[in-house]
Amino acid sequence: MFAALAEVWRVGSRFLLSPLIIAKVGFDGYGTWALIFSVCGYADVLNTSFGFAYSKFTAEYDRKKDYDHLSQIISSGIVLIGGLGLVGWGIVFALRMSILRGLAVPDNLLNEAGIALPLVATTMVLRISYGCFFQVLAGLQRLDLQYKLNVFASIVEFVISIGLLIRGEGLMALAIGHVTGQVLAMILARVMCWRICPAIRFSLSRVTKAGLKHLLSLGGRFQLLAVMAMAITDGIKILISAMCGGPDVVGQYDLAEKLLTLAKSFSSSLIAPLMPAFAHLHAG
């Protein structure tokens, strides 16, 4: 129920916000914002694939009350995935202007996009590393809290973005709103995990080879599927921009894609609780 309500809000807020974005920054600006997420979205591949692993291992070790090994897996994952994310962030930051020019971003949007891109990339790095506590909540059978936090982040982003767009801040309004909502939600996710299960700890001293092995053995199985899915969804937007007229066309495509994927979004929200629930039962 909470997953479905979260999807209703997520989809509804996007459709409310999109006309305002287009009115303030045009289809070029809207398409540029979509392209920024497409570029940064490749980092989210790690969050998708290893997120399943966090959820599954949390459900299993919580059932066994083996929080020491679970803390090793979580700590090892944050360090490993966070390190990979920082390398990717450095590449994106160094090549940001070349990337944006290659995507045919208009000259009048280059400066704003050049700031917004590393900001969104920073959020992605945090999400794939420290943001693992969202998946830990799912493994603790508290998907309701996970989805409440997603709604909270979306509301913060919605309110801040609208306020700054009305003030004429352009793409920076969207970047600031997104970063603020995501960071606050990640902090709250960590606090909630600590309150529900104080025995789960994150520290550099708990990073172990065994923790890395467990995480990679399962997360790696999902990795290829996640890469393929991301290459199809976000790769198409990048190709459209490079070959078919730039961000203006991407903006139109993105709106149509949101309409066409509504049914998929709701079905995915109903499937989400199954993996941690089955893992918890299997461990018992």
Protein backbone atom coordinates (compact mmCIF):
# COMPACT_ATOMS: atom_id res chain seq x y z
CA MET A 1 0.00 0.00 0.00
CA PHE A 2 2.78 2.43 0.93
CA ALA A 3 4.65 1.54 -2.26
CA ALA A 4 1.59 2.26 -4.38
CA LEU A 5 0.94 5.56 -2.58
CA ALA A 6 4.58 6.54 -3.09
CA GLU A 7 4.24 5.87 -6.81
CA VAL A 8 1.05 7.93 -6.98
CA TRP A 9 2.83 10.89 -5.40
CA ARG A 10 6.03 10.44 -7.42
CA VAL A 11 4.20 10.30 -10.74
CA GLY A 12 1.69 12.99 -9.80
CA SER A 13 4.34 15.44 -8.59
CA ARG A 14 6.34 14.98 -11.78
CA PHE A 15 3.32 15.80 -13.92
CA LEU A 16 2.61 18.87 -11.80
CA LEU A 17 6.22 20.02 -11.89
CA SER A 18 6.96 19.31 -15.56
CA PRO A 19 4.72 22.08 -17.03
CA LEU A 20 6.34 24.62 -14.69
CA ILE A 21 9.83 23.47 -15.68
CA ILE A 22 8.96 23.76 -19.35
CA ALA A 23 7.39 27.20 -18.81
CA LYS A 24 10.49 28.48 -17.00
CA VAL A 25 13.36 26.85 -18.89
CA GLY A 26 11.69 25.56 -22.09
CA PHE A 27 11.94 22.14 -23.65
CA ASP A 28 15.70 22.65 -24.05
CA GLY A 29 16.06 23.09 -20.29
CA TYR A 30 13.70 20.23 -19.50
CA GLY A 31 15.56 17.95 -21.92
CA THR A 32 18.92 19.02 -20.48
CA TRP A 33 17.72 18.07 -17.00
CA ALA A 34 16.63 14.66 -18.30
CA LEU A 35 20.04 14.18 -19.96
CA ILE A 36 21.87 15.05 -16.73
CA PHE A 37 19.99 12.23 -15.02
CA SER A 38 20.73 9.90 -17.92
CA VAL A 39 24.46 10.55 -17.59
CA CYS A 40 24.42 10.19 -13.79
CA GLY A 41 21.99 7.28 -13.99
CA TYR A 42 24.79 4.88 -14.87
CA ALA A 43 26.04 5.23 -11.29
CA ASP A 44 22.60 4.15 -10.12
CA VAL A 45 23.21 0.79 -11.78
CA LEU A 46 25.33 -0.08 -8.74
CA ASN A 47 22.53 1.02 -6.41
CA THR A 48 20.03 -1.18 -8.23
CA SER A 49 22.09 -4.36 -8.37
CA PHE A 50 23.82 -4.18 -4.99
CA GLY A 51 20.66 -2.78 -3.40
CA PHE A 52 19.06 -6.19 -3.89
CA ALA A 53 22.02 -7.76 -2.11
CA TYR A 54 21.76 -5.40 0.88
CA SER A 55 18.06 -6.14 1.17
CA LYS A 56 18.48 -9.90 0.93
CA PHE A 57 21.42 -10.17 3.34
CA THR A 58 19.74 -7.89 5.87
CA ALA A 59 16.60 -10.06 5.86
CA GLU A 60 18.65 -13.24 6.29
CA TYR A 61 21.04 -12.07 9.00
CA ASP A 62 18.29 -10.24 10.87
CA ARG A 63 16.40 -13.54 11.11
CA LYS A 64 19.56 -15.22 12.41
CA LYS A 65 20.40 -12.25 14.69
CA ASP A 66 23.91 -12.28 13.19
CA TYR A 67 24.46 -8.54 13.12
CA ASP A 68 28.25 -8.74 13.17
CA HIS A 69 28.45 -10.35 9.73
CA LEU A 70 25.71 -8.04 8.45
CA SER A 71 27.67 -4.99 9.65
CA GLN A 72 30.73 -6.32 7.80
CA ILE A 73 28.77 -6.64 4.56
CA ILE A 74 27.22 -3.18 4.86
CA SER A 75 30.51 -1.48 5.82
CA SER A 76 32.40 -3.26 3.04
CA GLY A 77 29.76 -2.29 0.50
CA ILE A 78 29.71 1.39 1.48
CA VAL A 79 33.50 1.62 1.15
CA LEU A 80 33.74 -0.37 -2.10
CA ILE A 81 30.79 1.14 -3.94
CA GLY A 82 31.50 4.59 -2.55
CA GLY A 83 35.08 4.36 -3.82
CA LEU A 84 33.93 3.36 -7.30
CA GLY A 85 31.39 6.17 -7.23
CA LEU A 86 34.06 8.74 -6.36
CA VAL A 87 36.17 7.61 -9.31
CA GLY A 88 33.17 8.00 -11.59
CA TRP A 89 32.39 11.41 -10.09
CA GLY A 90 35.93 12.59 -10.82
CA ILE A 91 35.63 11.51 -14.46
CA VAL A 92 32.26 13.24 -14.86
CA PHE A 93 33.53 16.43 -13.21
CA ALA A 94 36.67 16.58 -15.37
CA LEU A 95 34.79 15.94 -18.61
CA ARG A 96 31.50 17.68 -17.75
CA MET A 97 31.70 20.41 -20.40
CA SER A 98 32.79 17.96 -23.10
CA ILE A 99 29.95 15.62 -22.12
CA LEU A 100 27.36 18.41 -22.26
CA ARG A 101 28.63 19.69 -25.63
CA GLY A 102 28.57 16.14 -26.96
CA LEU A 103 24.91 15.92 -25.93
CA ALA A 104 24.17 19.10 -27.91
CA VAL A 105 23.22 21.15 -24.83
CA PRO A 106 22.62 24.77 -26.00
CA ASP A 107 25.35 27.31 -25.20
CA ASN A 108 23.00 29.38 -23.03
CA LEU A 109 22.49 26.39 -20.71
CA LEU A 110 26.08 25.15 -20.56
CA ASN A 111 27.14 27.07 -17.45
CA GLU A 112 24.09 26.04 -15.42
CA ALA A 113 24.28 22.45 -16.64
CA GLY A 114 28.00 22.40 -15.86
CA ILE A 115 27.16 23.04 -12.18
CA ALA A 116 24.00 20.91 -12.03
CA LEU A 117 25.71 17.81 -13.48
CA PRO A 118 28.35 17.37 -10.71
CA LEU A 119 25.74 18.23 -8.06
CA VAL A 120 23.45 15.44 -9.24
CA ALA A 121 26.47 13.14 -9.61
CA THR A 122 27.40 13.84 -5.98
CA THR A 123 23.91 12.81 -4.90
CA MET A 124 24.22 9.60 -6.92
CA VAL A 125 27.54 8.74 -5.23
CA LEU A 126 25.95 9.23 -1.80
CA ARG A 127 22.90 7.22 -2.83
CA ILE A 128 24.87 4.18 -4.00
CA SER A 129 27.07 4.19 -0.87
CA TYR A 130 25.59 5.76 2.27
CA GLY A 131 22.11 5.40 0.78
CA CYS A 132 22.30 1.62 1.26
CA PHE A 133 20.30 2.10 4.46
CA PHE A 134 17.19 2.43 2.29
CA GLN A 135 17.71 -1.20 1.28
CA VAL A 136 18.56 -2.16 4.86
CA LEU A 137 15.14 -0.85 5.90
CA ALA A 138 13.59 -3.08 3.25
CA GLY A 139 15.53 -6.06 4.59
CA LEU A 140 14.25 -5.27 8.09
CA GLN A 141 10.72 -5.66 6.66
CA ARG A 142 10.11 -1.92 6.96
CA LEU A 143 9.42 -1.06 3.34
CA ASP A 144 6.76 1.31 4.64
CA LEU A 145 9.51 3.51 6.08
CA GLN A 146 11.53 3.25 2.89
CA TYR A 147 8.64 4.51 0.80
CA LYS A 148 7.73 7.20 3.32
CA LEU A 149 11.27 8.51 3.01
CA ASN A 150 11.03 8.46 -0.77
CA VAL A 151 7.83 10.51 -0.55
CA PHE A 152 9.48 12.87 1.93
CA ALA A 153 12.45 13.41 -0.40
CA SER A 154 10.10 14.01 -3.32
CA ILE A 155 8.04 16.55 -1.35
CA VAL A 156 11.17 18.47 -0.29
CA GLU A 157 12.43 18.45 -3.89
CA PHE A 158 9.01 19.52 -5.18
CA VAL A 159 8.62 22.47 -2.78
CA ILE A 160 12.19 23.78 -3.14
CA SER A 161 12.22 23.36 -6.92
CA ILE A 162 8.92 25.21 -7.37
CA GLY A 163 10.03 28.07 -5.11
CA LEU A 164 13.36 28.52 -6.88
CA LEU A 165 11.85 28.11 -10.36
CA ILE A 166 9.37 30.90 -9.65
CA ARG A 167 12.34 33.05 -8.60
CA GLY A 168 13.95 32.34 -11.97
CA GLU A 169 16.82 30.07 -10.85
CA GLY A 170 16.45 27.75 -13.86
CA LEU A 171 18.28 24.42 -13.82
CA MET A 172 19.91 25.25 -10.49
CA ALA A 173 16.45 25.22 -8.89
CA LEU A 174 16.01 21.59 -9.93
CA ALA A 175 19.52 20.60 -8.84
CA ILE A 176 19.25 22.23 -5.40
CA GLY A 177 15.80 20.74 -4.80
CA HIS A 178 16.94 17.26 -5.78
CA VAL A 179 20.14 17.32 -3.70
CA THR A 180 18.38 18.66 -0.60
CA GLY A 181 15.57 16.09 -0.69
CA GLN A 182 17.89 13.14 -1.26
CA VAL A 183 20.47 14.07 1.38
CA LEU A 184 17.83 14.65 4.07
CA ALA A 185 16.14 11.33 3.24
CA MET A 186 19.46 9.43 3.44
CA ILE A 187 20.23 10.91 6.85
CA LEU A 188 16.79 9.92 8.11
CA ALA A 189 17.19 6.40 6.68
CA ARG A 190 20.38 5.93 8.69
CA VAL A 191 18.69 7.22 11.86
CA MET A 192 15.70 4.91 11.38
CA CYS A 193 17.93 1.86 10.83
CA TRP A 194 19.82 2.67 14.02
CA ARG A 195 16.59 3.02 16.02
CA ILE A 196 15.06 -0.21 14.68
CA CYS A 197 18.24 -2.26 14.97
CA PRO A 198 21.07 -0.58 16.93
CA ALA A 199 23.24 -3.67 16.50
CA ILE A 200 23.82 -2.82 12.81
CA ARG A 201 26.98 -0.74 12.69
CA PHE A 202 28.96 0.98 9.98
CA SER A 203 32.67 1.56 10.50
CA LEU A 204 35.90 1.23 8.52
CA SER A 205 37.14 -1.37 11.03
CA ARG A 206 34.36 -3.71 9.90
CA VAL A 207 35.43 -3.73 6.24
CA THR A 208 36.54 -7.31 5.53
CA LYS A 209 37.35 -9.54 2.56
CA ALA A 210 34.52 -11.86 3.61
CA GLY A 211 32.05 -8.95 3.60
CA LEU A 212 33.16 -7.89 0.12
CA LYS A 213 32.97 -11.48 -1.14
CA HIS A 214 29.40 -11.94 0.09
CA LEU A 215 28.26 -8.64 -1.41
CA LEU A 216 29.95 -9.15 -4.78
CA SER A 217 28.81 -12.77 -5.11
CA LEU A 218 25.15 -11.75 -5.08
CA GLY A 219 25.26 -8.16 -6.32
CA GLY A 220 27.37 -9.17 -9.30
CA ARG A 221 24.62 -11.50 -10.53
CA PHE A 222 22.24 -8.56 -10.87
CA GLN A 223 24.87 -6.25 -12.35
CA LEU A 224 24.67 -7.33 -15.99
CA LEU A 225 20.88 -7.11 -16.01
CA ALA A 226 21.01 -3.66 -14.43
CA VAL A 227 23.61 -2.42 -16.95
CA MET A 228 21.52 -3.68 -19.87
CA ALA A 229 18.35 -2.06 -18.55
CA MET A 230 20.13 1.26 -17.93
CA ALA A 231 21.80 1.19 -21.34
CA ILE A 232 18.41 0.79 -22.97
CA THR A 233 16.46 3.41 -21.00
CA ASP A 234 19.05 6.17 -20.53
CA GLY A 235 21.20 5.27 -23.52
CA ILE A 236 18.28 5.98 -25.82
CA LYS A 237 17.95 9.53 -24.47
CA ILE A 238 21.65 10.17 -25.00
CA LEU A 239 21.44 8.86 -28.58
CA ILE A 240 18.35 10.96 -29.28
CA SER A 241 20.13 14.11 -28.13
CA ALA A 242 23.28 13.35 -30.12
CA MET A 243 21.52 12.32 -33.33
CA CYS A 244 18.06 13.87 -33.45
CA GLY A 245 18.24 17.51 -32.45
CA GLY A 246 19.42 17.93 -28.87
CA PRO A 247 17.64 18.37 -25.52
CA ASP A 248 14.46 19.80 -27.05
CA VAL A 249 13.62 16.42 -28.61
CA VAL A 250 14.74 14.57 -25.46
CA GLY A 251 12.29 16.64 -23.41
CA GLN A 252 9.39 15.57 -25.61
CA TYR A 253 10.52 11.94 -25.53
CA ASP A 254 10.87 12.01 -21.73
CA LEU A 255 7.30 13.23 -21.24
CA ALA A 256 5.95 10.51 -23.51
CA GLU A 257 8.03 7.85 -21.75
CA LYS A 258 6.61 8.87 -18.36
CA LEU A 259 3.09 8.37 -19.66
CA LEU A 260 3.89 4.98 -21.15
CA THR A 261 5.59 3.61 -18.03
CA LEU A 262 2.82 4.44 -15.55
CA ALA A 263 1.47 0.87 -15.40
CA LYS A 264 4.98 -0.57 -15.03
CA SER A 265 5.69 1.75 -12.08
CA PHE A 266 2.67 0.56 -10.12
CA SER A 267 3.31 -3.12 -10.79
CA SER A 268 6.94 -2.74 -9.69
CA SER A 269 5.83 -1.20 -6.41
CA LEU A 270 3.78 -4.31 -5.63
CA ILE A 271 6.66 -6.67 -6.45
CA ALA A 272 9.21 -4.75 -4.33
CA PRO A 273 8.40 -6.36 -0.92
CA LEU A 274 8.80 -9.92 -2.19
CA MET A 275 12.60 -10.40 -2.11
CA PRO A 276 13.21 -9.37 1.52
CA ALA A 277 10.12 -11.30 2.64
CA PHE A 278 11.25 -14.51 0.91
CA ALA A 279 14.83 -14.09 2.16
CA HIS A 280 13.57 -13.70 5.72
CA LEU A 281 11.46 -16.85 5.44
CA HIS A 282 14.24 -18.82 3.78
CA ALA A 283 16.74 -17.90 6.51
CA GLY A 284 14.30 -19.30 9.10
